[in-house]
Structure formats: structure tokens, C-alpha cells
Amino acid sequence: MDRQRLNGIAHSHHPIAAPIFGVNVNRLLRRADQQPSARILDLGCGEGAWALQALAHYPDGHADGIDVSPYALGRAGAAAAERGLTDRVTLHERDARTYLPDGDYDLVLRVGSTLAFGGFAEALQLARSARESRRHP
């Protein structure tokens, strides 16, 4: 069995895939204080829980979710469909370290995936470049 499938099974009962309660997720997203049409990037999105919840806070927003797991992305797509958000989220099966943004993002999420980027500093640098890609071509 491949590692991504095992990871999906292991986290199947952890919708947020982080040690945080839903109420705190909402509190953090509210503190981001973005416009209703925010453009959101979720690096290492897994099943898309953070990105989909962010879309609930930004009713005209759009999210891009990036993950290497086709299993997690399949569940993210199903969750988006269940919540009526299919037209507001785009899921990309790829290594987030190689994702080249096609513009800037108002909100960059990277929850629980620091090690995938080589460490905290590297993860922050990638998030910063995604947020500022259009401002500094």
C-alpha cells in the first residue's frame, strides 16, 4: 500500500488535520481580515478543510489547494461538492514546493506541512513568494 493512502486512512477522523478545534480555526480565519473576494492558497491542503472553511469566511473568494496525495484531493473535491463550493476551489496534485503561482494571493495557508518544505524558514519563504508574486514580477 502506498504511503499517501496510509496517511489518508490514519487521518480519516481528523478533518482539520491539525491539533486545533474548529472554533479556533474560525477565529484564526476571521483574524486574517481579508476582503470577501480573497484569493486563497492552501499549500499541502490535504483534504481541503482549511481552504473550504476559509471560503465560508470569504463568500466571493477562490481557493487553490495544492497537495501530493490524490486520495486526499479526491476527498477534498468531494467535500467541496458537498458544500457547494466546486466552482470556488481548484485542486492541484503536485508538490507544493514546485507550485508557481499565476498571481498573488491574499491569504496563504500552510498548516502542518512545515517539514515538507525543508523547515519553518523555507515554508515561510514559499508562502511569502506566493503572496507577493504579482507585486514583484
N, C-alpha and C. Protein backbone atom coordinates (compact mmCIF):
# COMPACT_ATOMS: atom_id res chain seq x y z
N MET A 1 0.85 -1.18 0.00
CA MET A 1 0.00 0.00 0.00
C MET A 1 0.89 1.24 0.00
N ASP A 2 0.50 2.26 -0.75
CA ASP A 2 1.38 3.43 -0.82
C ASP A 2 1.19 4.35 0.38
N ARG A 3 2.22 5.15 0.63
CA ARG A 3 2.29 5.99 1.82
C ARG A 3 1.15 7.02 1.88
N GLN A 4 0.79 7.62 0.75
CA GLN A 4 -0.28 8.62 0.74
C GLN A 4 -1.62 8.01 1.15
N ARG A 5 -1.86 6.79 0.69
CA ARG A 5 -3.11 6.11 1.06
C ARG A 5 -3.12 5.79 2.55
N LEU A 6 -2.00 5.32 3.09
CA LEU A 6 -1.91 5.04 4.52
C LEU A 6 -2.12 6.31 5.34
N ASN A 7 -1.54 7.40 4.89
CA ASN A 7 -1.69 8.68 5.58
C ASN A 7 -3.16 9.10 5.59
N GLY A 8 -3.85 8.91 4.47
CA GLY A 8 -5.26 9.26 4.40
C GLY A 8 -6.10 8.44 5.35
N ILE A 9 -5.80 7.17 5.46
CA ILE A 9 -6.52 6.29 6.38
C ILE A 9 -6.27 6.72 7.82
N ALA A 10 -5.01 7.01 8.14
CA ALA A 10 -4.64 7.38 9.50
C ALA A 10 -5.30 8.68 9.95
N HIS A 11 -5.53 9.60 9.02
CA HIS A 11 -6.11 10.89 9.37
C HIS A 11 -7.59 11.02 9.00
N SER A 12 -8.23 9.92 8.71
CA SER A 12 -9.62 9.99 8.24
C SER A 12 -10.60 10.57 9.26
N HIS A 13 -10.25 10.53 10.53
CA HIS A 13 -11.14 11.08 11.55
C HIS A 13 -10.65 12.42 12.10
N HIS A 14 -9.74 13.04 11.36
CA HIS A 14 -9.21 14.35 11.74
C HIS A 14 -9.46 15.33 10.59
N PRO A 15 -10.65 15.87 10.50
CA PRO A 15 -10.99 16.69 9.33
C PRO A 15 -10.10 17.92 9.14
N ILE A 16 -9.60 18.50 10.21
CA ILE A 16 -8.75 19.67 10.09
C ILE A 16 -7.29 19.25 9.90
N ALA A 17 -6.95 18.03 10.25
CA ALA A 17 -5.58 17.50 10.11
C ALA A 17 -4.57 18.36 10.85
N ALA A 18 -4.98 18.87 11.99
CA ALA A 18 -4.10 19.66 12.85
C ALA A 18 -4.69 19.61 14.26
N PRO A 19 -3.84 19.75 15.27
CA PRO A 19 -4.35 19.70 16.64
C PRO A 19 -5.01 21.02 17.05
N ILE A 20 -6.17 21.29 16.45
CA ILE A 20 -6.87 22.55 16.72
C ILE A 20 -8.37 22.31 16.60
N PHE A 21 -9.14 22.96 17.44
CA PHE A 21 -10.59 22.84 17.38
C PHE A 21 -11.16 23.75 16.30
N GLY A 22 -12.30 23.38 15.73
CA GLY A 22 -12.93 24.15 14.68
C GLY A 22 -13.18 25.60 15.04
N VAL A 23 -13.56 25.86 16.29
CA VAL A 23 -13.83 27.23 16.72
C VAL A 23 -12.56 28.07 16.61
N ASN A 24 -11.41 27.47 16.87
CA ASN A 24 -10.15 28.21 16.76
C ASN A 24 -9.74 28.41 15.31
N VAL A 25 -10.08 27.46 14.45
CA VAL A 25 -9.85 27.64 13.01
C VAL A 25 -10.61 28.88 12.54
N ASN A 26 -11.87 28.96 12.91
CA ASN A 26 -12.68 30.11 12.51
C ASN A 26 -12.14 31.42 13.09
N ARG A 27 -11.68 31.38 14.31
CA ARG A 27 -11.11 32.58 14.93
C ARG A 27 -9.88 33.04 14.16
N LEU A 28 -9.00 32.10 13.79
CA LEU A 28 -7.82 32.47 13.03
C LEU A 28 -8.17 33.03 11.65
N LEU A 29 -9.13 32.42 10.99
CA LEU A 29 -9.53 32.90 9.67
C LEU A 29 -10.16 34.29 9.74
N ARG A 30 -10.94 34.55 10.78
CA ARG A 30 -11.52 35.89 10.95
C ARG A 30 -10.43 36.93 11.17
N ARG A 31 -9.38 36.55 11.90
CA ARG A 31 -8.30 37.48 12.19
C ARG A 31 -7.50 37.85 10.94
N ALA A 32 -7.58 37.02 9.91
CA ALA A 32 -6.87 37.33 8.66
C ALA A 32 -7.46 38.58 8.02
N ASP A 33 -8.73 38.89 8.29
CA ASP A 33 -9.38 40.13 7.89
C ASP A 33 -9.17 40.46 6.41
N GLN A 34 -9.57 39.56 5.55
CA GLN A 34 -9.44 39.75 4.10
C GLN A 34 -10.77 40.22 3.51
N GLN A 35 -10.72 40.68 2.28
CA GLN A 35 -11.90 41.10 1.54
C GLN A 35 -12.75 39.87 1.19
N PRO A 36 -14.06 40.06 0.96
CA PRO A 36 -14.93 38.92 0.62
C PRO A 36 -14.46 38.15 -0.62
N SER A 37 -13.69 38.80 -1.51
CA SER A 37 -13.22 38.14 -2.73
C SER A 37 -11.78 37.66 -2.61
N ALA A 38 -11.33 37.36 -1.42
CA ALA A 38 -9.95 36.95 -1.19
C ALA A 38 -9.56 35.76 -2.06
N ARG A 39 -8.32 35.79 -2.51
CA ARG A 39 -7.74 34.67 -3.23
C ARG A 39 -6.88 33.92 -2.23
N ILE A 40 -7.15 32.61 -2.07
CA ILE A 40 -6.57 31.81 -1.00
C ILE A 40 -5.71 30.70 -1.60
N LEU A 41 -4.54 30.48 -1.01
CA LEU A 41 -3.67 29.39 -1.40
C LEU A 41 -3.45 28.51 -0.19
N ASP A 42 -3.72 27.22 -0.33
CA ASP A 42 -3.50 26.27 0.76
C ASP A 42 -2.42 25.29 0.31
N LEU A 43 -1.21 25.46 0.84
CA LEU A 43 -0.06 24.63 0.49
C LEU A 43 -0.07 23.38 1.36
N GLY A 44 -0.13 22.21 0.74
CA GLY A 44 -0.25 20.97 1.50
C GLY A 44 -1.65 20.87 2.07
N CYS A 45 -2.65 21.07 1.22
CA CYS A 45 -4.05 21.22 1.66
C CYS A 45 -4.67 19.94 2.19
N GLY A 46 -4.11 18.77 1.87
CA GLY A 46 -4.73 17.53 2.31
C GLY A 46 -6.15 17.43 1.80
N GLU A 47 -7.09 17.24 2.69
CA GLU A 47 -8.49 17.10 2.31
C GLU A 47 -9.21 18.44 2.15
N GLY A 48 -8.45 19.52 2.22
CA GLY A 48 -9.00 20.84 1.93
C GLY A 48 -9.81 21.50 3.02
N ALA A 49 -9.77 20.98 4.24
CA ALA A 49 -10.61 21.50 5.31
C ALA A 49 -10.37 22.99 5.58
N TRP A 50 -9.11 23.40 5.63
CA TRP A 50 -8.81 24.81 5.92
C TRP A 50 -9.25 25.70 4.76
N ALA A 51 -8.95 25.29 3.53
CA ALA A 51 -9.32 26.10 2.37
C ALA A 51 -10.84 26.24 2.26
N LEU A 52 -11.55 25.15 2.46
CA LEU A 52 -13.01 25.19 2.37
C LEU A 52 -13.60 26.04 3.48
N GLN A 53 -13.04 25.96 4.66
CA GLN A 53 -13.53 26.79 5.76
C GLN A 53 -13.22 28.26 5.50
N ALA A 54 -12.06 28.54 4.91
CA ALA A 54 -11.74 29.92 4.57
C ALA A 54 -12.75 30.48 3.58
N LEU A 55 -13.19 29.66 2.63
CA LEU A 55 -14.19 30.12 1.66
C LEU A 55 -15.51 30.48 2.33
N ALA A 56 -15.81 29.85 3.45
CA ALA A 56 -17.02 30.21 4.19
C ALA A 56 -16.91 31.63 4.75
N HIS A 57 -15.69 32.07 5.04
CA HIS A 57 -15.46 33.42 5.56
C HIS A 57 -15.37 34.47 4.46
N TYR A 58 -15.01 34.04 3.26
CA TYR A 58 -14.83 34.95 2.13
C TYR A 58 -15.77 34.51 1.01
N PRO A 59 -17.04 34.96 1.05
CA PRO A 59 -18.10 34.43 0.19
C PRO A 59 -17.89 34.61 -1.31
N ASP A 60 -17.02 35.51 -1.71
CA ASP A 60 -16.73 35.69 -3.14
C ASP A 60 -15.31 35.25 -3.47
N GLY A 61 -14.67 34.57 -2.54
CA GLY A 61 -13.28 34.17 -2.71
C GLY A 61 -13.10 32.91 -3.54
N HIS A 62 -11.86 32.65 -3.87
CA HIS A 62 -11.49 31.43 -4.59
C HIS A 62 -10.25 30.86 -3.92
N ALA A 63 -10.20 29.53 -3.83
CA ALA A 63 -9.05 28.87 -3.20
C ALA A 63 -8.38 27.92 -4.18
N ASP A 64 -7.05 27.88 -4.10
CA ASP A 64 -6.25 26.87 -4.78
C ASP A 64 -5.68 25.98 -3.69
N GLY A 65 -5.92 24.69 -3.81
CA GLY A 65 -5.37 23.71 -2.87
C GLY A 65 -4.31 22.88 -3.57
N ILE A 66 -3.14 22.76 -2.93
CA ILE A 66 -2.01 22.03 -3.51
C ILE A 66 -1.67 20.87 -2.59
N ASP A 67 -1.59 19.66 -3.14
CA ASP A 67 -1.19 18.50 -2.33
C ASP A 67 -0.67 17.41 -3.26
N VAL A 68 0.16 16.53 -2.71
CA VAL A 68 0.71 15.42 -3.50
C VAL A 68 -0.17 14.19 -3.47
N SER A 69 -1.14 14.15 -2.57
CA SER A 69 -1.95 12.94 -2.39
C SER A 69 -3.22 12.97 -3.23
N PRO A 70 -3.32 12.07 -4.20
CA PRO A 70 -4.55 12.01 -4.98
C PRO A 70 -5.74 11.57 -4.13
N TYR A 71 -5.48 10.79 -3.08
CA TYR A 71 -6.56 10.33 -2.20
C TYR A 71 -7.14 11.50 -1.41
N ALA A 72 -6.25 12.32 -0.83
CA ALA A 72 -6.70 13.48 -0.07
C ALA A 72 -7.41 14.47 -0.98
N LEU A 73 -6.87 14.69 -2.16
CA LEU A 73 -7.50 15.62 -3.09
C LEU A 73 -8.87 15.12 -3.56
N GLY A 74 -9.00 13.81 -3.70
CA GLY A 74 -10.31 13.25 -4.04
C GLY A 74 -11.33 13.54 -2.95
N ARG A 75 -10.91 13.41 -1.70
CA ARG A 75 -11.82 13.72 -0.58
C ARG A 75 -12.08 15.23 -0.51
N ALA A 76 -11.06 16.03 -0.83
CA ALA A 76 -11.26 17.48 -0.85
C ALA A 76 -12.29 17.86 -1.91
N GLY A 77 -12.19 17.25 -3.08
CA GLY A 77 -13.16 17.52 -4.14
C GLY A 77 -14.56 17.12 -3.75
N ALA A 78 -14.69 15.97 -3.08
CA ALA A 78 -16.00 15.51 -2.62
C ALA A 78 -16.56 16.46 -1.56
N ALA A 79 -15.70 16.93 -0.65
CA ALA A 79 -16.15 17.86 0.39
C ALA A 79 -16.57 19.19 -0.22
N ALA A 80 -15.83 19.64 -1.23
CA ALA A 80 -16.20 20.89 -1.91
C ALA A 80 -17.55 20.74 -2.59
N ALA A 81 -17.78 19.61 -3.23
CA ALA A 81 -19.06 19.37 -3.90
C ALA A 81 -20.20 19.32 -2.88
N GLU A 82 -19.95 18.67 -1.76
CA GLU A 82 -20.97 18.55 -0.71
C GLU A 82 -21.35 19.93 -0.16
N ARG A 83 -20.40 20.84 -0.10
CA ARG A 83 -20.65 22.17 0.43
C ARG A 83 -21.02 23.18 -0.65
N GLY A 84 -21.13 22.72 -1.89
CA GLY A 84 -21.49 23.62 -2.98
C GLY A 84 -20.39 24.58 -3.36
N LEU A 85 -19.14 24.17 -3.19
CA LEU A 85 -18.01 25.07 -3.43
C LEU A 85 -17.13 24.67 -4.61
N THR A 86 -17.59 23.73 -5.41
CA THR A 86 -16.78 23.21 -6.51
C THR A 86 -16.28 24.30 -7.44
N ASP A 87 -17.11 25.29 -7.71
CA ASP A 87 -16.72 26.35 -8.63
C ASP A 87 -15.80 27.39 -8.00
N ARG A 88 -15.56 27.28 -6.69
CA ARG A 88 -14.72 28.26 -5.98
C ARG A 88 -13.40 27.69 -5.50
N VAL A 89 -13.13 26.43 -5.82
CA VAL A 89 -11.87 25.83 -5.40
C VAL A 89 -11.26 25.07 -6.56
N THR A 90 -9.95 25.19 -6.71
CA THR A 90 -9.20 24.44 -7.72
C THR A 90 -8.15 23.63 -6.98
N LEU A 91 -8.14 22.34 -7.24
CA LEU A 91 -7.22 21.44 -6.57
C LEU A 91 -6.12 21.01 -7.54
N HIS A 92 -4.88 21.06 -7.06
CA HIS A 92 -3.72 20.76 -7.89
C HIS A 92 -2.95 19.61 -7.25
N GLU A 93 -2.77 18.52 -7.99
CA GLU A 93 -1.97 17.40 -7.49
C GLU A 93 -0.52 17.64 -7.90
N ARG A 94 0.24 18.13 -6.94
CA ARG A 94 1.66 18.40 -7.18
C ARG A 94 2.36 18.71 -5.88
N ASP A 95 3.65 18.72 -5.92
CA ASP A 95 4.47 19.08 -4.78
C ASP A 95 4.35 20.60 -4.60
N ALA A 96 3.93 21.04 -3.45
CA ALA A 96 3.72 22.46 -3.21
C ALA A 96 5.00 23.27 -3.39
N ARG A 97 6.16 22.63 -3.19
CA ARG A 97 7.43 23.35 -3.37
C ARG A 97 7.66 23.75 -4.82
N THR A 98 6.98 23.09 -5.75
CA THR A 98 7.19 23.40 -7.17
C THR A 98 6.03 24.19 -7.77
N TYR A 99 5.06 24.57 -6.96
CA TYR A 99 3.91 25.31 -7.46
C TYR A 99 4.31 26.74 -7.80
N LEU A 100 4.02 27.15 -9.00
CA LEU A 100 4.32 28.51 -9.43
C LEU A 100 3.01 29.29 -9.51
N PRO A 101 2.78 30.20 -8.58
CA PRO A 101 1.53 30.97 -8.59
C PRO A 101 1.38 31.78 -9.87
N ASP A 102 0.16 31.92 -10.33
CA ASP A 102 -0.12 32.72 -11.52
C ASP A 102 -0.58 34.12 -11.15
N GLY A 103 -0.31 34.52 -9.95
CA GLY A 103 -0.68 35.84 -9.45
C GLY A 103 -0.47 35.85 -7.95
N ASP A 104 -0.93 36.90 -7.30
CA ASP A 104 -0.74 36.95 -5.86
C ASP A 104 -1.95 36.39 -5.13
N TYR A 105 -1.74 36.07 -3.87
CA TYR A 105 -2.79 35.53 -3.01
C TYR A 105 -2.95 36.47 -1.83
N ASP A 106 -4.17 36.59 -1.37
CA ASP A 106 -4.46 37.42 -0.20
C ASP A 106 -4.20 36.68 1.10
N LEU A 107 -4.37 35.37 1.05
CA LEU A 107 -4.21 34.55 2.24
C LEU A 107 -3.51 33.25 1.84
N VAL A 108 -2.41 32.95 2.51
CA VAL A 108 -1.66 31.72 2.25
C VAL A 108 -1.73 30.86 3.50
N LEU A 109 -2.27 29.65 3.34
CA LEU A 109 -2.38 28.70 4.44
C LEU A 109 -1.32 27.62 4.26
N ARG A 110 -0.67 27.26 5.33
CA ARG A 110 0.30 26.19 5.31
C ARG A 110 0.27 25.59 6.72
N VAL A 111 -0.63 24.67 6.90
CA VAL A 111 -0.87 24.13 8.23
C VAL A 111 -0.34 22.70 8.31
N GLY A 112 0.59 22.48 9.21
CA GLY A 112 1.10 21.13 9.45
C GLY A 112 1.98 20.57 8.36
N SER A 113 2.47 21.40 7.46
CA SER A 113 3.28 20.88 6.37
C SER A 113 4.69 21.48 6.34
N THR A 114 5.14 22.03 7.45
CA THR A 114 6.43 22.69 7.51
C THR A 114 7.57 21.77 7.07
N LEU A 115 7.56 20.54 7.53
CA LEU A 115 8.65 19.62 7.20
C LEU A 115 8.72 19.34 5.70
N ALA A 116 7.59 19.36 5.03
CA ALA A 116 7.58 19.10 3.59
C ALA A 116 8.34 20.17 2.81
N PHE A 117 8.53 21.33 3.42
CA PHE A 117 9.21 22.42 2.74
C PHE A 117 10.66 22.56 3.19
N GLY A 118 11.12 21.69 4.05
CA GLY A 118 12.51 21.74 4.50
C GLY A 118 12.70 22.44 5.83
N GLY A 119 11.63 22.92 6.42
CA GLY A 119 11.71 23.59 7.71
C GLY A 119 10.85 24.84 7.73
N PHE A 120 10.80 25.47 8.89
CA PHE A 120 9.92 26.62 9.10
C PHE A 120 10.31 27.80 8.22
N ALA A 121 11.61 28.14 8.17
CA ALA A 121 12.07 29.29 7.38
C ALA A 121 11.75 29.11 5.91
N GLU A 122 11.98 27.91 5.39
CA GLU A 122 11.72 27.63 3.98
C GLU A 122 10.22 27.71 3.67
N ALA A 123 9.40 27.22 4.60
CA ALA A 123 7.95 27.28 4.42
C ALA A 123 7.47 28.72 4.39
N LEU A 124 8.01 29.56 5.27
CA LEU A 124 7.63 30.98 5.29
C LEU A 124 8.07 31.68 4.00
N GLN A 125 9.24 31.34 3.50
CA GLN A 125 9.72 31.95 2.26
C GLN A 125 8.79 31.61 1.09
N LEU A 126 8.36 30.35 1.00
CA LEU A 126 7.46 29.95 -0.07
C LEU A 126 6.12 30.67 0.06
N ALA A 127 5.61 30.77 1.27
CA ALA A 127 4.34 31.48 1.48
C ALA A 127 4.49 32.95 1.11
N ARG A 128 5.61 33.55 1.49
CA ARG A 128 5.85 34.96 1.15
C ARG A 128 5.91 35.16 -0.36
N SER A 129 6.58 34.27 -1.06
CA SER A 129 6.69 34.43 -2.51
C SER A 129 5.33 34.24 -3.19
N ALA A 130 4.49 33.36 -2.66
CA ALA A 130 3.15 33.17 -3.23
C ALA A 130 2.30 34.41 -2.98
N ARG A 131 2.46 35.02 -1.85
CA ARG A 131 1.66 36.20 -1.52
C ARG A 131 2.11 37.41 -2.32
N GLU A 132 3.39 37.48 -2.67
CA GLU A 132 3.93 38.67 -3.33
C GLU A 132 4.26 38.47 -4.79
N SER A 133 3.82 37.39 -5.40
CA SER A 133 4.25 37.07 -6.76
C SER A 133 3.84 38.13 -7.78
N ARG A 134 2.71 38.73 -7.65
CA ARG A 134 2.29 39.73 -8.63
C ARG A 134 2.86 41.11 -8.29
N ARG A 135 3.11 41.34 -7.04
CA ARG A 135 3.62 42.66 -6.64
C ARG A 135 5.05 42.89 -7.10
N HIS A 136 5.82 41.82 -7.24
CA HIS A 136 7.22 41.93 -7.65
C HIS A 136 7.49 40.93 -8.78
N PRO A 137 7.06 41.26 -10.00
CA PRO A 137 7.23 40.31 -11.11
C PRO A 137 8.68 40.08 -11.45
